[in-house]
Every structure is written in structure tokens, then in C-alpha cells.
Amino acid sequence: MNLTSLHPAQCRHQKITRNTGQIMTLLKNLGVPSRMLYVRRLSDNGSFWSRRINHLQVLEQARRLYRQQIVGVHPDKAGGCVERTIQLNGAWDKIEQRFKAHGHELG
């Protein structure tokens, strides 16, 4: 199938669907508890963005965990790790972008 023949809305939907797993991985790697990411009924655990969870609360928790971790690994601190700092900054940037794209921003 020729990709240029797809309707732009279909391409955009495929991109969001593909990134849903990535946002979950980023949040879990940052340490966000699974109980915040899932709902009790399995049928409601489809796309992360359509789940009946408080997305803003998840974003706040992710920011809190990011700040706690970045303080400990920052290269300016004794025993800091440049690689881990880069990983954390990259993960936080991606998380922030995805949430912003779905209408969730911290003030």
C-alpha cells in the first residue's frame, strides 16, 4: 500500500497509537506507579489517552519523580552521571511533549 495515498488523519492516528506504548514505557521507567496508569476494568485500558485516569495527576507525579532523580544524578553533584542525566532529560522532554499534544500542561 502506498503511504502517500493515506488520508492525513489516518497517518496522524497511527502515529498517536504507536506512541501510546512509548509514553507508558517512559512513565514506568521514570517510576510512576502502575496503579496511576491503569484502571480496574480491563475493557477501559485501551489507549492511554482514553483511559479514565487523572492525566494531570500522572504528569505531576512524573515531574515530581523526575526532579527527585535529576538532583541525585546531575553531573554538578559528586558521583553524578552524565549519561543518566541525559536519559532523564530526554524522557522528561518526551513526556512533556506528549501530554501537551493531548491538552495536559502543568502551570
PDB file of N, CA and C in Angstrom:
ATOM      1  N   MET A   1       0.844  -1.171   0.000  1.00  0.00           N
ATOM      2  CA  MET A   1       0.000   0.000   0.000  1.00  0.00           C
ATOM      3  C   MET A   1       0.888   1.232   0.000  1.00  0.00           C
ATOM      4  N   ASN A   2       0.569   2.183  -0.816  1.00  0.00           N
ATOM      5  CA  ASN A   2       1.338   3.410  -0.913  1.00  0.00           C
ATOM      6  C   ASN A   2       0.979   4.317   0.265  1.00  0.00           C
ATOM      7  N   LEU A   3       1.984   4.719   1.048  1.00  0.00           N
ATOM      8  CA  LEU A   3       1.728   5.548   2.216  1.00  0.00           C
ATOM      9  C   LEU A   3       1.220   6.930   1.855  1.00  0.00           C
ATOM     10  N   THR A   4       1.555   7.421   0.678  1.00  0.00           N
ATOM     11  CA  THR A   4       1.089   8.752   0.296  1.00  0.00           C
ATOM     12  C   THR A   4      -0.392   8.752  -0.021  1.00  0.00           C
ATOM     13  N   SER A   5      -0.978   7.575  -0.213  1.00  0.00           N
ATOM     14  CA  SER A   5      -2.406   7.515  -0.511  1.00  0.00           C
ATOM     15  C   SER A   5      -3.263   7.576   0.757  1.00  0.00           C
ATOM     16  N   LEU A   6      -2.634   7.460   1.923  1.00  0.00           N
ATOM     17  CA  LEU A   6      -3.393   7.505   3.168  1.00  0.00           C
ATOM     18  C   LEU A   6      -3.866   8.916   3.447  1.00  0.00           C
ATOM     19  N   HIS A   7      -5.015   9.010   4.011  1.00  0.00           N
ATOM     20  CA  HIS A   7      -5.565  10.303   4.424  1.00  0.00           C
ATOM     21  C   HIS A   7      -4.726  10.833   5.581  1.00  0.00           C
ATOM     22  N   PRO A   8      -4.426  12.144   5.649  1.00  0.00           N
ATOM     23  CA  PRO A   8      -3.588  12.684   6.728  1.00  0.00           C
ATOM     24  C   PRO A   8      -4.092  12.339   8.128  1.00  0.00           C
ATOM     25  N   ALA A   9      -5.391  12.283   8.301  1.00  0.00           N
ATOM     26  CA  ALA A   9      -5.937  11.949   9.625  1.00  0.00           C
ATOM     27  C   ALA A   9      -5.569  10.521  10.010  1.00  0.00           C
ATOM     28  N   GLN A  10      -5.539   9.623   9.030  1.00  0.00           N
ATOM     29  CA  GLN A  10      -5.166   8.246   9.320  1.00  0.00           C
ATOM     30  C   GLN A  10      -3.703   8.158   9.738  1.00  0.00           C
ATOM     31  N   CYS A  11      -2.842   8.888   9.081  1.00  0.00           N
ATOM     32  CA  CYS A  11      -1.422   8.887   9.438  1.00  0.00           C
ATOM     33  C   CYS A  11      -1.229   9.434  10.844  1.00  0.00           C
ATOM     34  N   ARG A  12      -1.913  10.498  11.157  1.00  0.00           N
ATOM     35  CA  ARG A  12      -1.788  11.110  12.472  1.00  0.00           C
ATOM     36  C   ARG A  12      -2.269  10.133  13.539  1.00  0.00           C
ATOM     37  N   HIS A  13      -3.377   9.424  13.266  1.00  0.00           N
ATOM     38  CA  HIS A  13      -3.909   8.455  14.232  1.00  0.00           C
ATOM     39  C   HIS A  13      -2.913   7.319  14.441  1.00  0.00           C
ATOM     40  N   GLN A  14      -2.293   6.850  13.392  1.00  0.00           N
ATOM     41  CA  GLN A  14      -1.330   5.759  13.522  1.00  0.00           C
ATOM     42  C   GLN A  14      -0.142   6.193  14.371  1.00  0.00           C
ATOM     43  N   LYS A  15       0.284   7.431  14.212  1.00  0.00           N
ATOM     44  CA  LYS A  15       1.415   7.926  14.985  1.00  0.00           C
ATOM     45  C   LYS A  15       1.064   7.971  16.471  1.00  0.00           C
ATOM     46  N   ILE A  16      -0.108   8.457  16.805  1.00  0.00           N
ATOM     47  CA  ILE A  16      -0.527   8.529  18.207  1.00  0.00           C
ATOM     48  C   ILE A  16      -0.652   7.125  18.787  1.00  0.00           C
ATOM     49  N   THR A  17      -1.209   6.202  18.039  1.00  0.00           N
ATOM     50  CA  THR A  17      -1.365   4.833  18.516  1.00  0.00           C
ATOM     51  C   THR A  17      -0.011   4.205  18.783  1.00  0.00           C
ATOM     52  N   ARG A  18       0.951   4.432  17.901  1.00  0.00           N
ATOM     53  CA  ARG A  18       2.272   3.853  18.068  1.00  0.00           C
ATOM     54  C   ARG A  18       2.953   4.428  19.301  1.00  0.00           C
ATOM     55  N   ASN A  19       2.762   5.697  19.586  1.00  0.00           N
ATOM     56  CA  ASN A  19       3.428   6.349  20.694  1.00  0.00           C
ATOM     57  C   ASN A  19       2.777   6.074  22.037  1.00  0.00           C
ATOM     58  N   THR A  20       1.600   5.471  22.044  1.00  0.00           N
ATOM     59  CA  THR A  20       0.925   5.181  23.307  1.00  0.00           C
ATOM     60  C   THR A  20       1.771   4.246  24.153  1.00  0.00           C
ATOM     61  N   GLY A  21       2.321   3.206  23.557  1.00  0.00           N
ATOM     62  CA  GLY A  21       3.184   2.293  24.294  1.00  0.00           C
ATOM     63  C   GLY A  21       4.442   2.978  24.780  1.00  0.00           C
ATOM     64  N   GLN A  22       4.937   3.911  23.990  1.00  0.00           N
ATOM     65  CA  GLN A  22       6.150   4.618  24.366  1.00  0.00           C
ATOM     66  C   GLN A  22       5.912   5.501  25.587  1.00  0.00           C
ATOM     67  N   ILE A  23       4.786   6.169  25.649  1.00  0.00           N
ATOM     68  CA  ILE A  23       4.512   7.027  26.809  1.00  0.00           C
ATOM     69  C   ILE A  23       4.413   6.185  28.075  1.00  0.00           C
ATOM     70  N   MET A  24       3.817   5.018  27.962  1.00  0.00           N
ATOM     71  CA  MET A  24       3.723   4.126  29.118  1.00  0.00           C
ATOM     72  C   MET A  24       5.115   3.690  29.569  1.00  0.00           C
ATOM     73  N   THR A  25       5.973   3.342  28.620  1.00  0.00           N
ATOM     74  CA  THR A  25       7.333   2.925  28.946  1.00  0.00           C
ATOM     75  C   THR A  25       8.098   4.057  29.613  1.00  0.00           C
ATOM     76  N   LEU A  26       7.976   5.267  29.069  1.00  0.00           N
ATOM     77  CA  LEU A  26       8.660   6.418  29.652  1.00  0.00           C
ATOM     78  C   LEU A  26       8.198   6.670  31.092  1.00  0.00           C
ATOM     79  N   LEU A  27       6.894   6.613  31.305  1.00  0.00           N
ATOM     80  CA  LEU A  27       6.352   6.858  32.643  1.00  0.00           C
ATOM     81  C   LEU A  27       6.782   5.780  33.628  1.00  0.00           C
ATOM     82  N   LYS A  28       6.755   4.518  33.190  1.00  0.00           N
ATOM     83  CA  LYS A  28       7.165   3.424  34.070  1.00  0.00           C
ATOM     84  C   LYS A  28       8.653   3.512  34.390  1.00  0.00           C
ATOM     85  N   ASN A  29       9.481   3.852  33.383  1.00  0.00           N
ATOM     86  CA  ASN A  29      10.920   3.980  33.617  1.00  0.00           C
ATOM     87  C   ASN A  29      11.241   5.120  34.569  1.00  0.00           C
ATOM     88  N   LEU A  30      10.411   6.139  34.574  1.00  0.00           N
ATOM     89  CA  LEU A  30      10.601   7.258  35.491  1.00  0.00           C
ATOM     90  C   LEU A  30      10.180   6.884  36.912  1.00  0.00           C
ATOM     91  N   GLY A  31       9.347   5.835  37.023  1.00  0.00           N
ATOM     92  CA  GLY A  31       8.938   5.349  38.341  1.00  0.00           C
ATOM     93  C   GLY A  31       7.500   5.638  38.708  1.00  0.00           C
ATOM     94  N   VAL A  32       6.684   6.082  37.751  1.00  0.00           N
ATOM     95  CA  VAL A  32       5.269   6.334  38.044  1.00  0.00           C
ATOM     96  C   VAL A  32       4.610   4.998  38.372  1.00  0.00           C
ATOM     97  N   PRO A  33       3.919   4.903  39.502  1.00  0.00           N
ATOM     98  CA  PRO A  33       3.299   3.637  39.903  1.00  0.00           C
ATOM     99  C   PRO A  33       2.240   3.169  38.898  1.00  0.00           C
ATOM    100  N   SER A  34       2.196   1.868  38.700  1.00  0.00           N
ATOM    101  CA  SER A  34       1.236   1.284  37.752  1.00  0.00           C
ATOM    102  C   SER A  34      -0.203   1.585  38.134  1.00  0.00           C
ATOM    103  N   ARG A  35      -0.491   1.703  39.419  1.00  0.00           N
ATOM    104  CA  ARG A  35      -1.872   1.965  39.849  1.00  0.00           C
ATOM    105  C   ARG A  35      -2.383   3.301  39.332  1.00  0.00           C
ATOM    106  N   MET A  36      -1.463   4.213  38.997  1.00  0.00           N
ATOM    107  CA  MET A  36      -1.873   5.506  38.445  1.00  0.00           C
ATOM    108  C   MET A  36      -2.123   5.424  36.941  1.00  0.00           C
ATOM    109  N   LEU A  37      -1.596   4.398  36.289  1.00  0.00           N
ATOM    110  CA  LEU A  37      -1.643   4.310  34.832  1.00  0.00           C
ATOM    111  C   LEU A  37      -2.766   3.426  34.307  1.00  0.00           C
ATOM    112  N   TYR A  38      -3.311   2.592  35.154  1.00  0.00           N
ATOM    113  CA  TYR A  38      -4.334   1.649  34.713  1.00  0.00           C
ATOM    114  C   TYR A  38      -5.620   1.855  35.506  1.00  0.00           C
ATOM    115  N   VAL A  39      -6.716   1.397  34.935  1.00  0.00           N
ATOM    116  CA  VAL A  39      -7.990   1.407  35.640  1.00  0.00           C
ATOM    117  C   VAL A  39      -8.356  -0.031  35.960  1.00  0.00           C
ATOM    118  N   ARG A  40      -9.316  -0.210  36.860  1.00  0.00           N
ATOM    119  CA  ARG A  40      -9.668  -1.556  37.317  1.00  0.00           C
ATOM    120  C   ARG A  40     -10.266  -2.431  36.211  1.00  0.00           C
ATOM    121  N   ARG A  41     -11.135  -1.831  35.414  1.00  0.00           N
ATOM    122  CA  ARG A  41     -11.798  -2.630  34.372  1.00  0.00           C
ATOM    123  C   ARG A  41     -10.875  -2.753  33.171  1.00  0.00           C
ATOM    124  N   LEU A  42     -10.560  -3.980  32.786  1.00  0.00           N
ATOM    125  CA  LEU A  42      -9.652  -4.217  31.667  1.00  0.00           C
ATOM    126  C   LEU A  42     -10.168  -3.613  30.371  1.00  0.00           C
ATOM    127  N   SER A  43     -11.475  -3.566  30.213  1.00  0.00           N
ATOM    128  CA  SER A  43     -12.027  -3.032  28.972  1.00  0.00           C
ATOM    129  C   SER A  43     -11.753  -1.541  28.818  1.00  0.00           C
ATOM    130  N   ASP A  44     -11.450  -0.848  29.927  1.00  0.00           N
ATOM    131  CA  ASP A  44     -11.147   0.585  29.880  1.00  0.00           C
ATOM    132  C   ASP A  44      -9.657   0.866  29.714  1.00  0.00           C
ATOM    133  N   ASN A  45      -8.833  -0.154  29.600  1.00  0.00           N
ATOM    134  CA  ASN A  45      -7.392   0.026  29.500  1.00  0.00           C
ATOM    135  C   ASN A  45      -6.915   0.017  28.046  1.00  0.00           C
ATOM    136  N   GLY A  46      -7.625   0.664  27.177  1.00  0.00           N
ATOM    137  CA  GLY A  46      -7.214   0.771  25.783  1.00  0.00           C
ATOM    138  C   GLY A  46      -6.087   1.771  25.652  1.00  0.00           C
ATOM    139  N   SER A  47      -6.279   2.757  24.836  1.00  0.00           N
ATOM    140  CA  SER A  47      -5.285   3.804  24.645  1.00  0.00           C
ATOM    141  C   SER A  47      -5.067   4.555  25.950  1.00  0.00           C
ATOM    142  N   PHE A  48      -3.835   4.902  26.228  1.00  0.00           N
ATOM    143  CA  PHE A  48      -3.514   5.624  27.458  1.00  0.00           C
ATOM    144  C   PHE A  48      -4.318   6.908  27.557  1.00  0.00           C
ATOM    145  N   TRP A  49      -4.500   7.584  26.443  1.00  0.00           N
ATOM    146  CA  TRP A  49      -5.146   8.893  26.450  1.00  0.00           C
ATOM    147  C   TRP A  49      -6.654   8.796  26.619  1.00  0.00           C
ATOM    148  N   SER A  50      -7.250   7.630  26.377  1.00  0.00           N
ATOM    149  CA  SER A  50      -8.695   7.493  26.538  1.00  0.00           C
ATOM    150  C   SER A  50      -9.071   6.839  27.873  1.00  0.00           C
ATOM    151  N   ARG A  51      -8.097   6.520  28.681  1.00  0.00           N
ATOM    152  CA  ARG A  51      -8.370   5.893  29.979  1.00  0.00           C
ATOM    153  C   ARG A  51      -8.984   6.897  30.937  1.00  0.00           C
ATOM    154  N   ARG A  52      -9.799   6.390  31.832  1.00  0.00           N
ATOM    155  CA  ARG A  52     -10.455   7.239  32.833  1.00  0.00           C
ATOM    156  C   ARG A  52      -9.548   7.414  34.043  1.00  0.00           C
ATOM    157  N   ILE A  53      -8.428   8.064  33.796  1.00  0.00           N
ATOM    158  CA  ILE A  53      -7.478   8.366  34.859  1.00  0.00           C
ATOM    159  C   ILE A  53      -7.254   9.873  34.862  1.00  0.00           C
ATOM    160  N   ASN A  54      -6.694  10.367  35.924  1.00  0.00           N
ATOM    161  CA  ASN A  54      -6.392  11.783  36.012  1.00  0.00           C
ATOM    162  C   ASN A  54      -5.020  12.010  35.372  1.00  0.00           C
ATOM    163  N   HIS A  55      -5.029  12.375  34.086  1.00  0.00           N
ATOM    164  CA  HIS A  55      -3.787  12.540  33.343  1.00  0.00           C
ATOM    165  C   HIS A  55      -2.910  13.643  33.936  1.00  0.00           C
ATOM    166  N   LEU A  56      -3.527  14.689  34.435  1.00  0.00           N
ATOM    167  CA  LEU A  56      -2.759  15.777  35.027  1.00  0.00           C
ATOM    168  C   LEU A  56      -2.045  15.314  36.299  1.00  0.00           C
ATOM    169  N   GLN A  57      -2.701  14.473  37.073  1.00  0.00           N
ATOM    170  CA  GLN A  57      -2.091  13.924  38.279  1.00  0.00           C
ATOM    171  C   GLN A  57      -0.904  13.015  37.915  1.00  0.00           C
ATOM    172  N   VAL A  58      -1.034  12.257  36.841  1.00  0.00           N
ATOM    173  CA  VAL A  58       0.063  11.412  36.371  1.00  0.00           C
ATOM    174  C   VAL A  58       1.241  12.286  35.949  1.00  0.00           C
ATOM    175  N   LEU A  59       0.957  13.376  35.244  1.00  0.00           N
ATOM    176  CA  LEU A  59       2.012  14.286  34.806  1.00  0.00           C
ATOM    177  C   LEU A  59       2.699  14.941  36.005  1.00  0.00           C
ATOM    178  N   GLU A  60       1.932  15.339  36.998  1.00  0.00           N
ATOM    179  CA  GLU A  60       2.520  15.921  38.211  1.00  0.00           C
ATOM    180  C   GLU A  60       3.418  14.918  38.930  1.00  0.00           C
ATOM    181  N   GLN A  61       2.978  13.681  39.017  1.00  0.00           N
ATOM    182  CA  GLN A  61       3.782  12.627  39.658  1.00  0.00           C
ATOM    183  C   GLN A  61       5.059  12.388  38.855  1.00  0.00           C
ATOM    184  N   ALA A  62       4.960  12.371  37.538  1.00  0.00           N
ATOM    185  CA  ALA A  62       6.144  12.177  36.698  1.00  0.00           C
ATOM    186  C   ALA A  62       7.138  13.312  36.906  1.00  0.00           C
ATOM    187  N   ARG A  63       6.648  14.540  36.988  1.00  0.00           N
ATOM    188  CA  ARG A  63       7.536  15.682  37.211  1.00  0.00           C
ATOM    189  C   ARG A  63       8.208  15.583  38.581  1.00  0.00           C
ATOM    190  N   ARG A  64       7.450  15.187  39.597  1.00  0.00           N
ATOM    191  CA  ARG A  64       7.997  15.027  40.943  1.00  0.00           C
ATOM    192  C   ARG A  64       9.116  13.976  40.949  1.00  0.00           C
ATOM    193  N   LEU A  65       8.877  12.849  40.300  1.00  0.00           N
ATOM    194  CA  LEU A  65       9.875  11.783  40.246  1.00  0.00           C
ATOM    195  C   LEU A  65      11.098  12.206  39.429  1.00  0.00           C
ATOM    196  N   TYR A  66      10.858  12.916  38.330  1.00  0.00           N
ATOM    197  CA  TYR A  66      11.963  13.411  37.510  1.00  0.00           C
ATOM    198  C   TYR A  66      12.861  14.330  38.334  1.00  0.00           C
ATOM    199  N   ARG A  67      12.262  15.265  39.058  1.00  0.00           N
ATOM    200  CA  ARG A  67      13.041  16.218  39.858  1.00  0.00           C
ATOM    201  C   ARG A  67      13.828  15.520  40.963  1.00  0.00           C
ATOM    202  N   GLN A  68      13.223  14.512  41.592  1.00  0.00           N
ATOM    203  CA  GLN A  68      13.927  13.771  42.635  1.00  0.00           C
ATOM    204  C   GLN A  68      15.149  13.049  42.067  1.00  0.00           C
ATOM    205  N   GLN A  69      14.971  12.453  40.897  1.00  0.00           N
ATOM    206  CA  GLN A  69      16.051  11.674  40.310  1.00  0.00           C
ATOM    207  C   GLN A  69      17.145  12.550  39.712  1.00  0.00           C
ATOM    208  N   ILE A  70      16.772  13.655  39.089  1.00  0.00           N
ATOM    209  CA  ILE A  70      17.764  14.501  38.423  1.00  0.00           C
ATOM    210  C   ILE A  70      18.704  15.138  39.441  1.00  0.00           C
ATOM    211  N   VAL A  71      18.205  15.436  40.631  1.00  0.00           N
ATOM    212  CA  VAL A  71      19.042  16.021  41.683  1.00  0.00           C
ATOM    213  C   VAL A  71      20.160  15.056  42.069  1.00  0.00           C
ATOM    214  N   GLY A  72      19.850  13.782  42.131  1.00  0.00           N
ATOM    215  CA  GLY A  72      20.835  12.788  42.549  1.00  0.00           C
ATOM    216  C   GLY A  72      21.872  12.431  41.516  1.00  0.00           C
ATOM    217  N   VAL A  73      21.540  12.572  40.236  1.00  0.00           N
ATOM    218  CA  VAL A  73      22.466  12.124  39.189  1.00  0.00           C
ATOM    219  C   VAL A  73      23.095  13.266  38.409  1.00  0.00           C
ATOM    220  N   HIS A  74      22.763  14.488  38.744  1.00  0.00           N
ATOM    221  CA  HIS A  74      23.280  15.628  37.978  1.00  0.00           C
ATOM    222  C   HIS A  74      24.803  15.663  38.056  1.00  0.00           C
ATOM    223  N   PRO A  75      25.480  15.940  36.932  1.00  0.00           N
ATOM    224  CA  PRO A  75      26.953  15.915  36.908  1.00  0.00           C
ATOM    225  C   PRO A  75      27.609  16.956  37.818  1.00  0.00           C
ATOM    226  N   ASP A  76      26.892  18.010  38.198  1.00  0.00           N
ATOM    227  CA  ASP A  76      27.459  19.012  39.104  1.00  0.00           C
ATOM    228  C   ASP A  76      27.616  18.471  40.526  1.00  0.00           C
ATOM    229  N   LYS A  77      26.952  17.382  40.799  1.00  0.00           N
ATOM    230  CA  LYS A  77      26.994  16.778  42.127  1.00  0.00           C
ATOM    231  C   LYS A  77      28.057  15.672  42.140  1.00  0.00           C
ATOM    232  N   ALA A  78      28.703  15.494  43.275  1.00  0.00           N
ATOM    233  CA  ALA A  78      29.691  14.425  43.394  1.00  0.00           C
ATOM    234  C   ALA A  78      29.036  13.082  43.124  1.00  0.00           C
ATOM    235  N   GLY A  79      29.632  12.290  42.265  1.00  0.00           N
ATOM    236  CA  GLY A  79      29.078  10.984  41.923  1.00  0.00           C
ATOM    237  C   GLY A  79      27.974  11.049  40.891  1.00  0.00           C
ATOM    238  N   GLY A  80      27.792  12.213  40.262  1.00  0.00           N
ATOM    239  CA  GLY A  80      26.751  12.375  39.237  1.00  0.00           C
ATOM    240  C   GLY A  80      27.075  11.575  37.985  1.00  0.00           C
ATOM    241  N   CYS A  81      26.081  11.370  37.177  1.00  0.00           N
ATOM    242  CA  CYS A  81      26.222  10.561  35.967  1.00  0.00           C
ATOM    243  C   CYS A  81      25.669  11.333  34.771  1.00  0.00           C
ATOM    244  N   VAL A  82      26.544  11.687  33.848  1.00  0.00           N
ATOM    245  CA  VAL A  82      26.137  12.460  32.673  1.00  0.00           C
ATOM    246  C   VAL A  82      25.142  11.676  31.824  1.00  0.00           C
ATOM    247  N   GLU A  83      25.402  10.372  31.644  1.00  0.00           N
ATOM    248  CA  GLU A  83      24.527   9.557  30.793  1.00  0.00           C
ATOM    249  C   GLU A  83      23.110   9.479  31.351  1.00  0.00           C
ATOM    250  N   ARG A  84      23.006   9.254  32.653  1.00  0.00           N
ATOM    251  CA  ARG A  84      21.679   9.163  33.281  1.00  0.00           C
ATOM    252  C   ARG A  84      20.965  10.510  33.235  1.00  0.00           C
ATOM    253  N   THR A  85      21.724  11.596  33.388  1.00  0.00           N
ATOM    254  CA  THR A  85      21.131  12.931  33.291  1.00  0.00           C
ATOM    255  C   THR A  85      20.542  13.155  31.904  1.00  0.00           C
ATOM    256  N   ILE A  86      21.278  12.755  30.886  1.00  0.00           N
ATOM    257  CA  ILE A  86      20.795  12.893  29.504  1.00  0.00           C
ATOM    258  C   ILE A  86      19.547  12.050  29.289  1.00  0.00           C
ATOM    259  N   GLN A  87      19.550  10.822  29.821  1.00  0.00           N
ATOM    260  CA  GLN A  87      18.381   9.945  29.699  1.00  0.00           C
ATOM    261  C   GLN A  87      17.160  10.555  30.372  1.00  0.00           C
ATOM    262  N   LEU A  88      17.340  11.035  31.587  1.00  0.00           N
ATOM    263  CA  LEU A  88      16.220  11.627  32.325  1.00  0.00           C
ATOM    264  C   LEU A  88      15.687  12.873  31.630  1.00  0.00           C
ATOM    265  N   ASN A  89      16.577  13.732  31.168  1.00  0.00           N
ATOM    266  CA  ASN A  89      16.134  14.946  30.476  1.00  0.00           C
ATOM    267  C   ASN A  89      15.385  14.611  29.191  1.00  0.00           C
ATOM    268  N   GLY A  90      15.892  13.633  28.443  1.00  0.00           N
ATOM    269  CA  GLY A  90      15.219  13.219  27.212  1.00  0.00           C
ATOM    270  C   GLY A  90      13.846  12.625  27.491  1.00  0.00           C
ATOM    271  N   ALA A  91      13.762  11.779  28.515  1.00  0.00           N
ATOM    272  CA  ALA A  91      12.485  11.163  28.871  1.00  0.00           C
ATOM    273  C   ALA A  91      11.478  12.225  29.302  1.00  0.00           C
ATOM    274  N   TRP A  92      11.913  13.160  30.142  1.00  0.00           N
ATOM    275  CA  TRP A  92      11.009  14.205  30.610  1.00  0.00           C
ATOM    276  C   TRP A  92      10.535  15.080  29.454  1.00  0.00           C
ATOM    277  N   ASP A  93      11.431  15.417  28.536  1.00  0.00           N
ATOM    278  CA  ASP A  93      11.038  16.225  27.371  1.00  0.00           C
ATOM    279  C   ASP A  93       9.969  15.517  26.537  1.00  0.00           C
ATOM    280  N   LYS A  94      10.162  14.222  26.305  1.00  0.00           N
ATOM    281  CA  LYS A  94       9.182  13.455  25.522  1.00  0.00           C
ATOM    282  C   LYS A  94       7.839  13.372  26.248  1.00  0.00           C
ATOM    283  N   ILE A  95       7.886  13.123  27.554  1.00  0.00           N
ATOM    284  CA  ILE A  95       6.654  13.022  28.338  1.00  0.00           C
ATOM    285  C   ILE A  95       5.903  14.351  28.274  1.00  0.00           C
ATOM    286  N   GLU A  96       6.619  15.442  28.497  1.00  0.00           N
ATOM    287  CA  GLU A  96       6.004  16.767  28.482  1.00  0.00           C
ATOM    288  C   GLU A  96       5.385  17.086  27.121  1.00  0.00           C
ATOM    289  N   GLN A  97       6.083  16.745  26.044  1.00  0.00           N
ATOM    290  CA  GLN A  97       5.565  16.992  24.696  1.00  0.00           C
ATOM    291  C   GLN A  97       4.297  16.192  24.432  1.00  0.00           C
ATOM    292  N   ARG A  98       4.295  14.908  24.815  1.00  0.00           N
ATOM    293  CA  ARG A  98       3.129  14.060  24.558  1.00  0.00           C
ATOM    294  C   ARG A  98       1.911  14.542  25.330  1.00  0.00           C
ATOM    295  N   PHE A  99       2.111  14.912  26.592  1.00  0.00           N
ATOM    296  CA  PHE A  99       0.995  15.397  27.394  1.00  0.00           C
ATOM    297  C   PHE A  99       0.492  16.718  26.832  1.00  0.00           C
ATOM    298  N   LYS A 100       1.384  17.588  26.416  1.00  0.00           N
ATOM    299  CA  LYS A 100       0.990  18.872  25.853  1.00  0.00           C
ATOM    300  C   LYS A 100       0.195  18.671  24.567  1.00  0.00           C
ATOM    301  N   ALA A 101       0.611  17.715  23.748  1.00  0.00           N
ATOM    302  CA  ALA A 101      -0.100  17.409  22.495  1.00  0.00           C
ATOM    303  C   ALA A 101      -1.521  16.926  22.753  1.00  0.00           C
ATOM    304  N   HIS A 102      -1.762  16.381  23.940  1.00  0.00           N
ATOM    305  CA  HIS A 102      -3.087  15.879  24.293  1.00  0.00           C
ATOM    306  C   HIS A 102      -3.823  16.817  25.238  1.00  0.00           C
ATOM    307  N   GLY A 103      -3.294  18.032  25.387  1.00  0.00           N
ATOM    308  CA  GLY A 103      -4.024  19.068  26.138  1.00  0.00           C
ATOM    309  C   GLY A 103      -3.796  19.084  27.627  1.00  0.00           C
ATOM    310  N   HIS A 104      -2.715  18.476  28.085  1.00  0.00           N
ATOM    311  CA  HIS A 104      -2.427  18.440  29.523  1.00  0.00           C
ATOM    312  C   HIS A 104      -1.097  19.140  29.759  1.00  0.00           C
ATOM    313  N   GLU A 105      -1.162  20.294  30.461  1.00  0.00           N
ATOM    314  CA  GLU A 105       0.047  21.052  30.766  1.00  0.00           C
ATOM    315  C   GLU A 105       0.068  21.438  32.231  1.00  0.00           C
ATOM    316  N   LEU A 106       1.269  21.509  32.764  1.00  0.00           N
ATOM    317  CA  LEU A 106       1.430  21.991  34.130  1.00  0.00           C
ATOM    318  C   LEU A 106       1.682  23.483  34.098  1.00  0.00           C
ATOM    319  N   GLY A 107       1.167  24.180  35.096  1.00  0.00           N
ATOM    320  CA  GLY A 107       1.308  25.636  35.146  1.00  0.00           C
ATOM    321  C   GLY A 107       2.607  26.080  35.724  1.00  0.00           C
TER     322      GLY A 107
END
